[in-house]
């Protein structure tokens, strides 16, 4: 009788969840993203490498608090912090042991709450990194799941019923009480949480439906984590591997239901809260309920063809922002236009200068401040929300040949983009008082490295230039994410790249020539205006109008932002 009652209860729970999820998905279609995103400029901080206040060689929360005035000076008004939660750090904190506890090496829960408060005093919002698809093997949930006796955590992970069943290399053999293999989500030390399968294979009994008991409990836990930190002052979350939760889900049908339900609950309780997805296809991510999605190297967005002529550490075909001048911007620009059309006013696209998972902009042949100015002009004049990866604002370089630290080796050794922030010329570039051997990663060993101290009072520095670009982005309506874009010149092997941005109040033309060769172009242009006002222009770059034609003179490695009146 008790088993029958339990089955009926679970059936009712599944039916209720299905109804609620459908209801949430319908409601989210009418939700608009928080208005503050239209004025947002994000800054990503890799906590281990930002600023160490206790001398252990690892950055911490108190260090971030101490540097908030610097962050504000950039014009930044939103932070994304990489994972701060308790972890064995086999993957730099993306293997979480306890979602409700700050890792001791960073500080305490109270320190994080204080960070929220101090950031808010300065008009800066704080988004945490949410890792919903997997945990650490050390997580208590997984330990309980690995027990032989069936318990409430048994179905919170994906297990085959016997050791002999290992369907593919995603499944990992184990030495636990429980027989069977568990599914990993990334590394073997990151077992996949069970959110069900969109199309369970009837021949695979371990593939549960998305509304089964285990997946339902994980959905509930996921919102509990979000609610816990939002109630303490967080402003939202960047969501790791956002499309990976529901397995074998053609068309992301069940994935859409899951995230739409989470988004509806989040914004109903916290109207200004956001969910920023690591998805790589904004039209799919926004449809799934996210507020914003990255447009980076994932999903063949064309980002790599713009900025990177490396595949791992191998040099491949040329990129557009390169001195040789034979790149192709069209994959990116065409995708951008398509994504903007598809998402309309339902969400935003985020365009970062870099992140903790790929080479920095300062890599290979693009290694001068002169060259680095152009990506900033480009990314900050698109109809997107820009993001600065810490250190990019001073031209920190990607460092080859570093030791693998906390799982940094994947396609590239990500350690090269995670080195300590370079503050000044003191010990360890002002990052830490620790002995060199204790540093999380080595400081850049180049003889003359860029630092904040060198650049912040130098009007000709990259840092000063970035502040100018940020200010122009924030103060001109035509450069806001909700203003329109039209590419006037974007062709394979053709320079410069030229586009216009416009709103009801303003018209702006942007010119970019990353090549080492001077370029001239004449573009038919019928919009009426009386004057051309340079907002930010490199020397000898010119934009003229005559007989409904724009004549562009773009010297080597040049840029121009012009307001039409």
Protein backbone atom coordinates (compact mmCIF):
# COMPACT_ATOMS: atom_id res chain seq x y z
CA UNK A 1 0.00 0.00 0.00
CA UNK A 2 2.81 2.42 0.91
CA UNK A 3 4.53 1.74 -2.42
CA UNK A 4 1.29 2.40 -4.27
CA UNK A 5 0.79 5.71 -2.42
CA UNK A 6 4.36 6.71 -3.23
CA UNK A 7 3.84 5.92 -6.94
CA UNK A 8 0.65 7.98 -7.04
CA UNK A 9 2.38 10.87 -5.27
CA UNK A 10 5.28 10.81 -7.71
CA UNK A 11 2.87 10.66 -10.65
CA UNK A 12 1.01 13.69 -9.33
CA UNK A 13 4.32 15.47 -8.78
CA UNK A 14 5.35 14.78 -12.37
CA UNK A 15 2.01 16.00 -13.72
CA UNK A 16 2.23 19.18 -11.61
CA UNK A 17 5.77 19.78 -12.76
CA UNK A 18 4.77 19.35 -16.41
CA UNK A 19 1.91 21.82 -16.02
CA UNK A 20 4.06 24.32 -14.09
CA UNK A 21 6.91 24.07 -16.60
CA UNK A 22 4.56 24.67 -19.52
CA UNK A 23 3.01 27.58 -17.63
CA UNK A 24 6.45 29.03 -16.84
CA UNK A 25 7.57 28.73 -20.48
CA UNK A 26 4.45 30.54 -21.64
CA UNK A 27 4.92 33.28 -19.03
CA UNK A 28 8.64 33.80 -19.81
CA UNK A 29 7.80 34.68 -23.42
CA UNK A 30 6.19 37.82 -22.02
CA UNK A 31 9.07 38.69 -19.68
CA UNK A 32 11.51 41.39 -20.70
CA UNK A 33 15.10 41.34 -19.48
CA UNK A 34 15.94 43.83 -16.71
CA UNK A 35 16.41 47.35 -18.09
CA UNK A 36 19.83 47.77 -16.41
CA UNK A 37 21.42 45.43 -18.95
CA UNK A 38 21.03 48.06 -21.67
CA UNK A 39 23.61 50.18 -19.80
CA UNK A 40 25.77 47.34 -18.49
CA UNK A 41 29.52 46.92 -18.87
CA UNK A 42 30.74 43.66 -17.31
CA UNK A 43 34.13 42.71 -15.89
CA UNK A 44 35.14 39.08 -15.33
CA UNK A 45 37.32 38.35 -12.30
CA UNK A 46 39.12 35.04 -11.91
CA UNK A 47 39.28 35.17 -8.08
CA UNK A 48 42.41 33.03 -7.68
CA UNK A 49 44.44 35.53 -9.67
CA UNK A 50 43.06 38.97 -8.86
CA UNK A 51 44.41 40.17 -5.50
CA UNK A 52 45.74 38.24 -2.50
CA UNK A 53 45.29 39.89 0.93
CA UNK A 54 46.39 37.07 3.25
CA UNK A 55 49.71 36.11 1.67
CA UNK A 56 48.87 32.53 0.67
CA UNK A 57 49.52 33.17 -3.05
CA UNK A 58 45.85 32.87 -4.00
CA UNK A 59 43.48 35.78 -4.63
CA UNK A 60 40.51 36.17 -2.29
CA UNK A 61 37.21 37.96 -1.75
CA UNK A 62 38.73 40.64 0.47
CA UNK A 63 41.13 41.36 -2.38
CA UNK A 64 38.25 41.91 -4.78
CA UNK A 65 36.62 44.25 -2.26
CA UNK A 66 39.84 46.26 -1.97
CA UNK A 67 39.96 46.71 -5.75
CA UNK A 68 36.31 47.74 -6.28
CA UNK A 69 37.23 51.40 -6.65
CA UNK A 70 39.60 50.44 -9.46
CA UNK A 71 36.84 48.41 -11.11
CA UNK A 72 34.49 51.37 -10.87
CA UNK A 73 37.13 53.66 -12.39
CA UNK A 74 36.96 51.58 -15.58
CA UNK A 75 33.31 52.50 -16.03
CA UNK A 76 32.32 48.92 -15.19
CA UNK A 77 28.96 48.43 -13.44
CA UNK A 78 28.65 44.63 -13.31
CA UNK A 79 30.94 41.78 -12.23
CA UNK A 80 31.06 38.12 -13.18
CA UNK A 81 33.06 36.13 -10.64
CA UNK A 82 34.31 32.66 -11.51
CA UNK A 83 33.26 29.97 -8.98
CA UNK A 84 33.89 30.84 -5.34
CA UNK A 85 32.28 27.77 -3.82
CA UNK A 86 33.78 24.94 -1.77
CA UNK A 87 35.66 22.58 -4.08
CA UNK A 88 38.62 20.18 -4.25
CA UNK A 89 39.72 22.31 -7.25
CA UNK A 90 40.35 19.60 -9.78
CA UNK A 91 38.89 22.02 -12.34
CA UNK A 92 39.60 25.43 -10.81
CA UNK A 93 36.37 25.42 -8.83
CA UNK A 94 34.10 24.15 -11.59
CA UNK A 95 33.89 20.93 -9.58
CA UNK A 96 31.72 22.05 -6.68
CA UNK A 97 31.55 20.21 -3.38
CA UNK A 98 29.08 22.51 -1.63
CA UNK A 99 27.03 25.15 -3.47
CA UNK A 100 26.04 26.87 -0.24
CA UNK A 101 29.56 27.42 1.13
CA UNK A 102 32.35 29.76 0.01
CA UNK A 103 35.69 27.96 -0.41
CA UNK A 104 37.89 28.76 2.63
CA UNK A 105 40.77 29.88 0.44
CA UNK A 106 38.60 32.78 -0.76
CA UNK A 107 37.06 33.65 2.61
CA UNK A 108 33.65 33.09 4.15
CA UNK A 109 29.99 33.44 3.24
CA UNK A 110 30.00 36.67 5.23
CA UNK A 111 32.88 37.97 3.10
CA UNK A 112 30.86 37.33 -0.04
CA UNK A 113 27.82 39.10 1.39
CA UNK A 114 30.07 42.05 2.26
CA UNK A 115 31.34 42.05 -1.33
CA UNK A 116 27.75 42.31 -2.58
CA UNK A 117 27.12 45.27 -0.27
CA UNK A 118 30.36 47.10 -1.10
CA UNK A 119 29.84 46.61 -4.83
CA UNK A 120 26.26 47.87 -4.61
CA UNK A 121 27.47 51.02 -2.80
CA UNK A 122 29.51 51.75 -5.92
CA UNK A 123 26.71 50.99 -8.37
CA UNK A 124 28.22 47.62 -9.34
CA UNK A 125 26.11 44.48 -9.61
CA UNK A 126 27.63 41.06 -8.89
CA UNK A 127 26.90 37.84 -10.78
CA UNK A 128 28.20 34.51 -9.51
CA UNK A 129 29.19 31.48 -11.56
CA UNK A 130 26.61 28.69 -11.38
CA UNK A 131 27.68 25.15 -12.31
CA UNK A 132 24.38 23.25 -12.53
CA UNK A 133 25.34 20.29 -14.71
CA UNK A 134 27.79 18.45 -12.47
CA UNK A 135 29.39 18.38 -9.04
CA UNK A 136 32.66 17.18 -7.61
CA UNK A 137 33.09 13.51 -6.74
CA UNK A 138 33.57 14.83 -3.19
CA UNK A 139 30.08 16.34 -3.09
CA UNK A 140 27.96 14.72 -0.38
CA UNK A 141 25.13 14.26 -2.88
CA UNK A 142 27.37 12.08 -5.05
CA UNK A 143 28.71 10.12 -2.08
CA UNK A 144 25.15 9.28 -1.07
CA UNK A 145 24.29 8.43 -4.67
CA UNK A 146 27.22 6.00 -4.79
CA UNK A 147 25.90 3.90 -1.89
CA UNK A 148 24.46 0.47 -2.56
CA UNK A 149 21.22 1.15 -0.66
CA UNK A 150 18.70 3.18 -2.65
CA UNK A 151 18.21 6.63 -1.11
CA UNK A 152 16.97 10.11 -2.04
CA UNK A 153 20.22 10.85 -3.92
CA UNK A 154 20.42 7.60 -5.89
CA UNK A 155 18.73 9.10 -8.94
CA UNK A 156 20.28 12.55 -8.66
CA UNK A 157 23.14 11.31 -10.90
CA UNK A 158 23.16 9.11 -14.01
CA UNK A 159 24.31 5.54 -13.36
CA UNK A 160 24.20 2.41 -15.46
CA UNK A 161 22.92 -0.63 -13.50
CA UNK A 162 26.09 -2.75 -13.83
CA UNK A 163 29.86 -2.31 -14.10
CA UNK A 164 29.83 -4.16 -17.42
CA UNK A 165 27.58 -1.50 -18.99
CA UNK A 166 29.68 1.39 -20.23
CA UNK A 167 27.84 2.79 -23.27
CA UNK A 168 30.51 5.33 -24.31
CA UNK A 169 33.48 7.32 -23.07
CA UNK A 170 31.16 9.65 -21.17
CA UNK A 171 30.64 6.87 -18.61
CA UNK A 172 33.26 6.23 -15.95
CA UNK A 173 33.97 2.97 -14.11
CA UNK A 174 34.00 3.26 -10.33
CA UNK A 175 35.12 1.63 -7.10
CA UNK A 176 32.06 2.57 -5.05
CA UNK A 177 29.57 0.36 -3.23
CA UNK A 178 27.05 0.89 -5.97
CA UNK A 179 27.54 -1.22 -9.09
CA UNK A 180 27.53 0.50 -12.47
CA UNK A 181 29.27 3.38 -14.22
CA UNK A 182 28.45 7.04 -13.72
CA UNK A 183 28.19 9.64 -16.47
CA UNK A 184 30.65 12.53 -16.42
CA UNK A 185 29.76 15.97 -17.71
CA UNK A 186 33.30 17.20 -18.43
CA UNK A 187 36.26 15.68 -16.58
CA UNK A 188 35.91 12.27 -14.92
CA UNK A 189 35.95 14.07 -11.55
CA UNK A 190 32.73 15.90 -12.53
CA UNK A 191 29.79 13.46 -12.41
CA UNK A 192 26.74 14.64 -14.34
CA UNK A 193 23.70 15.61 -12.32
CA UNK A 194 20.58 13.91 -13.63
CA UNK A 195 18.10 16.29 -15.27
CA UNK A 196 16.69 13.47 -17.36
CA UNK A 197 16.74 12.69 -21.06
CA UNK A 198 14.66 14.42 -23.70
CA UNK A 199 14.22 11.11 -25.54
CA UNK A 200 15.03 8.25 -23.16
CA UNK A 201 16.07 5.05 -24.93
CA UNK A 202 13.74 2.26 -23.73
CA UNK A 203 16.70 -0.14 -23.98
CA UNK A 204 18.66 2.02 -21.52
CA UNK A 205 16.84 1.90 -18.19
CA UNK A 206 19.26 4.42 -16.70
CA UNK A 207 17.94 7.10 -19.07
CA UNK A 208 15.13 8.65 -17.05
CA UNK A 209 12.51 11.05 -18.34
CA UNK A 210 13.01 14.73 -17.59
CA UNK A 211 10.10 14.64 -15.12
CA UNK A 212 11.23 11.58 -13.17
CA UNK A 213 11.88 11.83 -9.42
CA UNK A 214 15.66 12.40 -9.53
CA UNK A 215 15.56 15.10 -12.24
CA UNK A 216 12.67 16.82 -10.46
CA UNK A 217 14.67 16.97 -7.22
CA UNK A 218 17.64 18.44 -9.07
CA UNK A 219 15.48 21.17 -10.59
CA UNK A 220 14.19 22.05 -7.16
CA UNK A 221 17.74 22.12 -5.76
CA UNK A 222 18.91 24.29 -8.63
CA UNK A 223 16.44 27.03 -7.80
CA UNK A 224 17.23 26.66 -4.08
CA UNK A 225 20.88 27.47 -4.84
CA UNK A 226 19.89 30.48 -6.92
CA UNK A 227 17.46 31.69 -4.27
CA UNK A 228 20.01 31.24 -1.48
CA UNK A 229 22.56 33.59 -3.04
CA UNK A 230 20.08 36.04 -4.55
CA UNK A 231 18.52 36.52 -1.12
CA UNK A 232 21.98 37.43 0.20
CA UNK A 233 22.67 40.07 -2.42
CA UNK A 234 23.74 38.42 -5.69
CA UNK A 235 22.36 40.01 -8.87
CA UNK A 236 22.37 36.96 -11.11
CA UNK A 237 24.40 34.08 -12.45
CA UNK A 238 26.57 33.13 -15.34
CA UNK A 239 25.53 29.53 -16.08
CA UNK A 240 28.23 27.02 -17.00
CA UNK A 241 27.56 24.60 -19.90
CA UNK A 242 23.96 25.79 -19.92
CA UNK A 243 22.69 23.60 -22.77
CA UNK A 244 24.13 20.36 -21.38
CA UNK A 245 21.77 19.54 -18.49
CA UNK A 246 19.07 17.47 -20.20
CA UNK A 247 20.73 14.71 -22.22
CA UNK A 248 19.66 13.55 -25.69
CA UNK A 249 17.26 16.44 -26.08
CA UNK A 250 16.70 17.13 -29.81
CA UNK A 251 15.55 20.69 -30.33
CA UNK A 252 16.22 21.41 -26.62
CA UNK A 253 12.54 20.84 -25.85
CA UNK A 254 13.02 19.70 -22.26
CA UNK A 255 16.00 22.04 -21.79
CA UNK A 256 13.76 24.97 -22.76
CA UNK A 257 11.16 23.89 -20.23
CA UNK A 258 13.75 23.61 -17.48
CA UNK A 259 15.35 27.03 -17.97
CA UNK A 260 12.08 28.80 -18.68
CA UNK A 261 10.76 27.54 -15.36
CA UNK A 262 13.93 28.71 -13.55
CA UNK A 263 13.84 32.11 -15.29
CA UNK A 264 10.17 32.61 -14.45
CA UNK A 265 10.76 31.81 -10.76
CA UNK A 266 13.87 34.00 -10.65
CA UNK A 267 12.38 37.07 -12.22
CA UNK A 268 9.09 36.73 -10.35
CA UNK A 269 10.96 36.85 -7.03
CA UNK A 270 13.92 39.00 -8.12
CA UNK A 271 12.79 41.20 -11.06
CA UNK A 272 16.29 42.54 -11.72
CA UNK A 273 18.04 39.16 -11.55
CA UNK A 274 19.71 37.78 -14.68
CA UNK A 275 20.84 34.47 -16.13
CA UNK A 276 23.82 34.71 -18.49
CA UNK A 277 24.37 31.45 -20.35
CA UNK A 278 27.47 29.73 -21.63
CA UNK A 279 25.66 28.46 -24.72
CA UNK A 280 27.19 30.17 -27.74
CA UNK A 281 24.00 30.51 -29.79
CA UNK A 282 22.02 33.47 -28.45
CA UNK A 283 18.86 32.69 -30.42
CA UNK A 284 18.66 29.24 -28.82
CA UNK A 285 19.67 30.44 -25.36
CA UNK A 286 17.17 33.32 -25.22
CA UNK A 287 14.42 30.97 -26.41
CA UNK A 288 15.36 28.66 -23.53
CA UNK A 289 14.70 31.46 -21.04
CA UNK A 290 18.09 33.06 -20.56
CA UNK A 291 18.43 36.81 -20.22
CA UNK A 292 21.69 36.96 -22.14
CA UNK A 293 24.14 34.67 -23.95
CA UNK A 294 27.79 34.94 -24.92
CA UNK A 295 28.81 35.21 -28.55
CA UNK A 296 32.28 33.69 -28.39
CA UNK A 297 34.18 30.85 -30.05
CA UNK A 298 31.51 28.27 -29.17
CA UNK A 299 28.86 27.30 -31.72
CA UNK A 300 30.79 28.50 -34.81
CA UNK A 301 29.87 32.12 -34.14
CA UNK A 302 32.81 33.36 -36.19
CA UNK A 303 34.60 34.81 -33.15
CA UNK A 304 37.69 32.69 -33.72
CA UNK A 305 37.88 33.81 -37.36
CA UNK A 306 37.93 37.42 -36.14
CA UNK A 307 40.56 37.24 -33.43
CA UNK A 308 42.47 33.94 -33.35
CA UNK A 309 44.66 32.24 -35.91
CA UNK A 310 45.47 29.49 -33.43
CA UNK A 311 43.82 26.12 -32.97
CA UNK A 312 45.19 25.14 -29.60
CA UNK A 313 48.85 26.05 -30.00
CA UNK A 314 48.92 25.48 -33.78
CA UNK A 315 48.91 28.40 -36.20
CA UNK A 316 46.09 28.03 -38.72
CA UNK A 317 44.56 30.30 -41.36
CA UNK A 318 44.59 34.03 -40.79
CA UNK A 319 42.05 35.97 -38.71
CA UNK A 320 40.50 39.34 -39.58
CA UNK A 321 42.08 41.37 -36.77
CA UNK A 322 45.58 40.61 -38.00
CA UNK A 323 48.29 42.63 -39.72
CA UNK A 324 48.34 40.45 -42.84
CA UNK A 325 44.90 41.66 -43.88
CA UNK A 326 43.36 38.60 -45.50
CA UNK A 327 40.80 37.56 -42.90
CA UNK A 328 37.06 37.02 -43.08
CA UNK A 329 34.66 38.94 -40.79
CA UNK A 330 31.47 37.71 -42.46
CA UNK A 331 30.84 34.58 -40.39
CA UNK A 332 30.70 36.70 -37.27
CA UNK A 333 28.87 39.69 -38.72
CA UNK A 334 26.27 37.53 -40.47
CA UNK A 335 25.66 35.51 -37.31
CA UNK A 336 25.39 38.67 -35.23
CA UNK A 337 22.74 40.14 -37.52
CA UNK A 338 20.81 36.87 -37.52
CA UNK A 339 20.92 36.48 -33.74
CA UNK A 340 19.84 40.09 -33.19
CA UNK A 341 16.90 39.58 -35.52
CA UNK A 342 15.88 36.30 -33.88
CA UNK A 343 15.98 37.50 -30.27
CA UNK A 344 14.53 40.97 -30.78
CA UNK A 345 13.81 42.57 -27.40
CA UNK A 346 13.66 39.24 -25.54
CA UNK A 347 17.28 39.20 -24.48
CA UNK A 348 20.84 40.40 -25.01
CA UNK A 349 24.11 39.21 -26.51
CA UNK A 350 27.30 39.54 -24.45
CA UNK A 351 30.61 40.11 -26.27
CA UNK A 352 33.70 39.58 -24.06
CA UNK A 353 37.27 40.64 -24.75
CA UNK A 354 38.34 37.27 -23.40
CA UNK A 355 37.71 34.72 -20.68
CA UNK A 356 39.40 32.10 -18.52
CA UNK A 357 39.01 29.35 -21.15
CA UNK A 358 40.88 30.71 -24.19
CA UNK A 359 43.94 32.69 -25.22
CA UNK A 360 43.97 36.37 -24.38
CA UNK A 361 43.67 38.98 -27.13
CA UNK A 362 47.35 39.77 -26.59
CA UNK A 363 48.77 36.64 -28.23
CA UNK A 364 50.93 35.77 -31.23
CA UNK A 365 51.19 38.52 -33.85
CA UNK A 366 48.69 40.82 -32.07
CA UNK A 367 50.88 41.96 -29.23
CA UNK A 368 51.09 45.76 -29.33
CA UNK A 369 48.83 48.26 -27.59
CA UNK A 370 48.23 49.85 -30.97
CA UNK A 371 46.76 46.61 -32.28
CA UNK A 372 44.81 45.86 -29.08
CA UNK A 373 42.87 49.12 -29.33
CA UNK A 374 40.92 47.86 -32.33
CA UNK A 375 39.20 44.86 -30.69
CA UNK A 376 38.04 47.16 -27.89
CA UNK A 377 36.57 49.64 -30.39
CA UNK A 378 34.84 46.79 -32.21
CA UNK A 379 33.39 44.96 -29.21
CA UNK A 380 32.25 48.17 -27.49
CA UNK A 381 30.45 49.59 -30.53
CA UNK A 382 28.30 46.55 -31.29
CA UNK A 383 24.63 46.27 -30.20
CA UNK A 384 25.70 44.00 -27.37
CA UNK A 385 26.63 44.04 -23.68
CA UNK A 386 30.45 44.20 -23.50
CA UNK A 387 32.63 42.36 -20.99
CA UNK A 388 36.28 42.98 -20.10
CA UNK A 389 38.29 39.98 -18.93
CA UNK A 390 40.50 41.11 -16.05
CA UNK A 391 43.90 42.31 -17.26
CA UNK A 392 42.82 42.80 -20.87
CA UNK A 393 42.37 46.49 -20.10
CA UNK A 394 46.14 46.82 -19.58
CA UNK A 395 47.18 44.37 -22.30
CA UNK A 396 48.16 41.36 -20.22
CA UNK A 397 49.42 38.68 -22.57
CA UNK A 398 48.64 34.98 -22.92
CA UNK A 399 51.66 33.07 -21.58
CA UNK A 400 52.73 29.86 -23.29
CA UNK A 401 54.37 26.91 -21.56
CA UNK A 402 52.99 27.23 -18.03
CA UNK A 403 52.48 24.17 -15.80
CA UNK A 404 49.02 22.64 -15.77
CA UNK A 405 47.21 23.92 -12.67
CA UNK A 406 43.82 22.73 -11.41
CA UNK A 407 42.79 21.04 -14.65
CA UNK A 408 43.86 23.91 -16.89
CA UNK A 409 44.90 21.69 -19.83
CA UNK A 410 42.15 21.20 -22.42
CA UNK A 411 42.45 22.18 -26.10
CA UNK A 412 44.88 24.85 -24.87
CA UNK A 413 46.58 25.21 -21.51
CA UNK A 414 44.14 27.69 -19.99
CA UNK A 415 46.69 28.60 -17.32
CA UNK A 416 48.19 31.02 -19.84
CA UNK A 417 45.09 33.24 -19.52
CA UNK A 418 44.77 32.90 -15.75
CA UNK A 419 47.98 34.46 -14.48
CA UNK A 420 47.95 36.98 -11.61
CA UNK A 421 46.71 40.52 -12.22
CA UNK A 422 49.59 42.94 -12.71
CA UNK A 423 49.03 45.88 -10.37
CA UNK A 424 52.43 47.55 -9.98
CA UNK A 425 56.21 47.04 -9.97
CA UNK A 426 56.44 45.70 -6.43
CA UNK A 427 56.90 42.05 -5.45
CA UNK A 428 54.84 39.66 -7.60
CA UNK A 429 53.51 42.64 -9.60
CA UNK A 430 51.58 43.74 -6.51
CA UNK A 431 49.37 40.64 -6.59
CA UNK A 432 50.63 38.94 -3.42
CA UNK A 433 53.27 39.10 -0.69
CA UNK A 434 53.73 35.34 -0.86
CA UNK A 435 56.94 33.65 -1.89
CA UNK A 436 57.08 33.02 -5.63
CA UNK A 437 56.83 29.25 -5.11
CA UNK A 438 53.43 29.69 -3.42
CA UNK A 439 51.76 31.73 -6.15
CA UNK A 440 48.69 30.20 -7.79
CA UNK A 441 50.38 30.76 -11.15
CA UNK A 442 53.65 32.50 -12.08
CA UNK A 443 53.77 36.21 -12.82
CA UNK A 444 54.59 37.13 -16.43
CA UNK A 445 58.39 36.98 -16.65
CA UNK A 446 58.80 39.47 -19.50
CA UNK A 447 61.24 42.27 -18.65
CA UNK A 448 58.71 45.09 -18.96
CA UNK A 449 55.18 43.93 -18.20
CA UNK A 450 52.09 46.17 -18.31
CA UNK A 451 50.73 47.23 -14.93
CA UNK A 452 47.85 49.32 -13.67
CA UNK A 453 50.28 51.65 -11.91
CA UNK A 454 52.18 52.43 -15.13
CA UNK A 455 49.06 53.07 -17.14
CA UNK A 456 46.40 54.70 -15.00
CA UNK A 457 47.94 58.19 -15.12
CA UNK A 458 49.20 57.93 -18.70
CA UNK A 459 46.67 59.41 -21.18
CA UNK A 460 48.34 57.48 -24.03
CA UNK A 461 48.06 54.07 -22.31
CA UNK A 462 45.79 51.20 -23.27
CA UNK A 463 44.03 51.53 -19.91
CA UNK A 464 43.17 55.17 -20.57
CA UNK A 465 41.98 54.24 -24.06
CA UNK A 466 39.71 51.50 -22.68
CA UNK A 467 38.17 53.98 -20.25
CA UNK A 468 37.46 56.31 -23.19
CA UNK A 469 35.80 53.54 -25.17
CA UNK A 470 33.69 52.48 -22.19
CA UNK A 471 32.55 56.06 -21.65
CA UNK A 472 31.60 56.48 -25.32
CA UNK A 473 29.60 53.23 -25.18
CA UNK A 474 27.70 54.35 -22.09
CA UNK A 475 26.98 57.94 -23.17
CA UNK A 476 25.83 57.52 -26.78
CA UNK A 477 22.31 56.16 -27.41
CA UNK A 478 23.27 54.81 -30.86
CA UNK A 479 25.83 52.49 -29.23
CA UNK A 480 23.44 50.95 -26.69
CA UNK A 481 22.56 47.28 -27.10
CA UNK A 482 18.99 48.17 -28.10
CA UNK A 483 20.08 50.42 -30.99
CA UNK A 484 20.30 49.14 -34.57
CA UNK A 485 23.32 48.10 -36.65
CA UNK A 486 23.93 47.94 -40.39
CA UNK A 487 27.19 46.68 -41.88
CA UNK A 488 28.20 48.95 -44.76
CA UNK A 489 31.34 47.01 -45.62
CA UNK A 490 31.94 43.48 -44.39
CA UNK A 491 33.50 41.12 -46.93
CA UNK A 492 36.10 38.38 -46.94
CA UNK A 493 39.57 39.80 -47.49
CA UNK A 494 38.26 43.38 -47.63
CA UNK A 495 39.43 46.17 -45.31
CA UNK A 496 38.32 48.33 -43.57
CA UNK A 497 35.29 46.96 -41.74
CA UNK A 498 32.60 49.66 -41.71
CA UNK A 499 29.21 49.76 -40.00
CA UNK A 500 26.65 52.22 -38.78
CA UNK A 501 24.81 52.31 -35.48
CA UNK A 502 21.63 54.31 -35.10
CA UNK A 503 18.81 55.12 -32.71
CA UNK A 504 16.01 57.69 -32.84
CA UNK A 505 18.39 60.31 -31.47
CA UNK A 506 21.73 59.53 -33.03
CA UNK A 507 23.70 58.13 -35.97
CA UNK A 508 27.26 56.77 -35.66
CA UNK A 509 29.73 55.30 -38.19
CA UNK A 510 32.54 52.95 -37.08
CA UNK A 511 35.63 52.25 -39.21
CA UNK A 512 38.21 49.55 -38.39
CA UNK A 513 41.36 48.64 -40.29
CA UNK A 514 43.40 46.03 -38.36
CA UNK A 515 45.71 45.36 -41.33
CA UNK A 516 49.26 46.71 -41.79
CA UNK A 517 48.27 48.31 -45.10
CA UNK A 518 46.54 51.67 -45.57
CA UNK A 519 43.05 51.30 -47.04
CA UNK A 520 40.63 53.61 -48.84
CA UNK A 521 36.99 52.93 -49.62
CA UNK A 522 34.02 54.72 -51.15
CA UNK A 523 30.60 53.57 -49.98
CA UNK A 524 27.23 54.80 -51.31
CA UNK A 525 25.31 56.39 -48.44
CA UNK A 526 21.94 58.12 -48.66
CA UNK A 527 21.24 59.20 -45.06
CA UNK A 528 20.97 62.98 -44.73
CA UNK A 529 23.32 64.73 -42.30
CA UNK A 530 25.13 68.06 -42.07
CA UNK A 531 28.35 67.31 -40.22
CA UNK A 532 30.73 64.53 -39.17
CA UNK A 533 31.99 64.73 -35.59
CA UNK A 534 34.96 62.51 -34.62
CA UNK A 535 34.34 60.86 -31.24
CA UNK A 536 37.45 58.66 -31.12
CA UNK A 537 39.77 58.55 -34.14
CA UNK A 538 43.33 57.38 -34.71
CA UNK A 539 45.75 59.76 -36.49
CA UNK A 540 45.16 60.43 -40.20
CA UNK A 541 41.93 58.39 -40.26
CA UNK A 542 39.28 60.31 -42.20
CA UNK A 543 35.60 60.04 -43.03
CA UNK A 544 34.23 62.41 -45.65
CA UNK A 545 30.93 62.69 -47.52
CA UNK A 546 30.38 63.91 -51.06
CA UNK A 547 27.55 63.27 -53.51
CA UNK A 548 25.89 60.66 -51.30
CA UNK A 549 29.15 58.75 -50.94
CA UNK A 550 31.26 58.11 -47.86
CA UNK A 551 34.98 58.32 -48.59
CA UNK A 552 37.07 56.51 -45.99
CA UNK A 553 40.80 56.89 -45.52
CA UNK A 554 42.07 54.28 -43.04
CA UNK A 555 45.83 54.09 -42.36
CA UNK A 556 47.37 50.85 -41.14
CA UNK A 557 46.01 49.69 -37.76
CA UNK A 558 43.43 52.45 -37.52
CA UNK A 559 40.00 53.08 -36.12
CA UNK A 560 37.35 55.77 -36.15
CA UNK A 561 34.08 56.39 -34.34
CA UNK A 562 32.13 59.25 -35.95
CA UNK A 563 28.86 60.89 -35.02
CA UNK A 564 26.71 62.14 -37.90
CA UNK A 565 24.60 65.25 -37.33
